[in-house]
C-alpha atoms as a PDB file:
ATOM      1  CA  MET A   1     282.601 -15.127 -39.267  1.00  0.00           C
ATOM      2  CA  TRP A   2     284.830 -12.087 -38.550  1.00  0.00           C
ATOM      3  CA  LEU A   3     288.015 -11.997 -40.955  1.00  0.00           C
ATOM      4  CA  ASP A   4     291.077 -10.444 -39.635  1.00  0.00           C
ATOM      5  CA  PRO A   5     292.772  -8.080 -42.172  1.00  0.00           C
ATOM      6  CA  VAL A   6     296.247  -8.753 -41.224  1.00  0.00           C
ATOM      7  CA  VAL A   7     295.596 -12.482 -41.793  1.00  0.00           C
ATOM      8  CA  GLU A   8     293.876 -11.873 -44.882  1.00  0.00           C
ATOM      9  CA  GLU A   9     297.044  -9.544 -46.136  1.00  0.00           C
ATOM     10  CA  VAL A  10     299.280 -12.606 -45.168  1.00  0.00           C
ATOM     11  CA  ARG A  11     297.358 -15.133 -46.909  1.00  0.00           C
ATOM     12  CA  LYS A  12     297.242 -13.038 -50.129  1.00  0.00           C
ATOM     13  CA  ARG A  13     300.997 -12.246 -49.877  1.00  0.00           C
ATOM     14  CA  ARG A  14     301.677 -15.820 -49.539  1.00  0.00           C
ATOM     15  CA  GLN A  15     299.688 -16.988 -52.442  1.00  0.00           C
ATOM     16  CA  GLU A  16     301.454 -14.169 -54.276  1.00  0.00           C
ATOM     17  CA  LEU A  17     304.952 -15.447 -53.616  1.00  0.00           C
ATOM     18  CA  MET A  18     303.763 -18.887 -54.300  1.00  0.00           C
ATOM     19  CA  ALA A  19     302.942 -18.157 -57.621  1.00  0.00           C
ATOM     20  CA  GLU A  20     305.861 -16.386 -58.303  1.00  0.00           C
ATOM     21  CA  TYR A  21     307.983 -19.555 -57.687  1.00  0.00           C
ATOM     22  CA  ASP A  22     305.488 -21.821 -59.290  1.00  0.00           C
ATOM     23  CA  TYR A  23     304.343 -23.295 -56.264  1.00  0.00           C
ATOM     24  CA  ASP A  24     307.932 -25.233 -56.100  1.00  0.00           C
ATOM     25  CA  PRO A  25     309.419 -25.595 -52.434  1.00  0.00           C
ATOM     26  CA  LYS A  26     312.682 -25.804 -53.854  1.00  0.00           C
ATOM     27  CA  LYS A  27     312.591 -22.515 -55.534  1.00  0.00           C
ATOM     28  CA  ILE A  28     310.958 -20.863 -52.595  1.00  0.00           C
ATOM     29  CA  LEU A  29     313.789 -22.264 -50.285  1.00  0.00           C
ATOM     30  CA  GLN A  30     316.526 -20.870 -52.776  1.00  0.00           C
ATOM     31  CA  ALA A  31     315.022 -17.518 -52.962  1.00  0.00           C
ATOM     32  CA  ILE A  32     315.008 -17.484 -48.955  1.00  0.00           C
ATOM     33  CA  ARG A  33     318.580 -18.514 -49.051  1.00  0.00           C
ATOM     34  CA  LYS A  34     319.691 -15.868 -51.295  1.00  0.00           C
ATOM     35  CA  GLU A  35     317.852 -13.112 -48.888  1.00  0.00           C
ATOM     36  CA  GLU A  36     319.693 -14.749 -46.057  1.00  0.00           C
ATOM     37  CA  GLU A  37     323.102 -14.254 -47.710  1.00  0.00           C
ATOM     38  CA  LYS A  38     322.053 -10.887 -48.945  1.00  0.00           C
ATOM     39  CA  TYR A  39     321.386  -9.769 -45.190  1.00  0.00           C
ATOM     40  CA  ALA A  40     323.570 -12.230 -43.497  1.00  0.00           C
ATOM     41  CA  ASN A  41     324.949  -9.303 -41.261  1.00  0.00           C
ATOM     42  CA  ARG A  42     321.234  -8.770 -39.793  1.00  0.00           C
ATOM     43  CA  LEU A  43     320.824 -12.144 -38.942  1.00  0.00           C
ATOM     44  CA  VAL A  44     321.292 -13.606 -35.331  1.00  0.00           C
ATOM     45  CA  TYR A  45     321.995 -17.284 -34.761  1.00  0.00           C
ATOM     46  CA  SER A  46     321.603 -18.848 -31.123  1.00  0.00           C
ATOM     47  CA  THR A  47     324.529 -20.823 -29.779  1.00  0.00           C
ATOM     48  CA  GLN A  48     322.685 -22.273 -27.150  1.00  0.00           C
ATOM     49  CA  LYS A  49     320.445 -25.353 -27.021  1.00  0.00           C
ATOM     50  CA  PRO A  50     316.933 -24.690 -25.471  1.00  0.00           C
ATOM     51  CA  LYS A  51     316.677 -25.809 -21.760  1.00  0.00           C
ATOM     52  CA  LYS A  52     314.518 -28.934 -21.370  1.00  0.00           C
ATOM     53  CA  ALA A  53     311.209 -28.132 -19.466  1.00  0.00           C
ATOM     54  CA  TYR A  54     311.539 -29.024 -15.870  1.00  0.00           C
ATOM     55  CA  LYS A  55     309.062 -31.824 -15.017  1.00  0.00           C
ATOM     56  CA  ARG A  56     307.353 -31.439 -11.695  1.00  0.00           C
ATOM     57  CA  LYS A  57     306.389 -34.296  -9.524  1.00  0.00           C
ATOM     58  CA  PRO A  58     302.902 -34.509  -8.544  1.00  0.00           C
ATOM     59  CA  THR A  59     302.428 -33.512  -4.832  1.00  0.00           C
ATOM     60  CA  ILE A  60     299.615 -34.563  -2.578  1.00  0.00           C
ATOM     61  CA  SER A  61     298.144 -31.789  -0.340  1.00  0.00           C
ATOM     62  CA  LYS A  62     297.909 -32.531   3.162  1.00  0.00           C
ATOM     63  CA  ASN A  63     295.399 -30.298   4.093  1.00  0.00           C
ATOM     64  CA  ILE A  64     292.494 -32.445   1.973  1.00  0.00           C
ATOM     65  CA  THR A  65     290.234 -34.617   3.948  1.00  0.00           C
ATOM     66  CA  ILE A  66     288.091 -37.138   2.541  1.00  0.00           C
ATOM     67  CA  ASN A  67     284.541 -37.881   4.710  1.00  0.00           C
END
C-alpha cells in the first residue's frame, strides 16, 4: 500500500498536538480560540448563508422508443 508523505506528516503533527494538550478536546479548543484572537485581523467570516441546492425535476426524453 502506498503511503502519502504529506498525509503521514499531517497525522504525525496531529498526534504531537493531541499529546501536547493531553488528548483533551477542551484544551485543544481553548488553544485554537487563543490563536483566533491572536490573528483576528487575518480571519474572514462569511456573512452570507450558503445557497440551497437546486433540485431538478426528473425529465423524460421524448426521443426514446420502446419496442
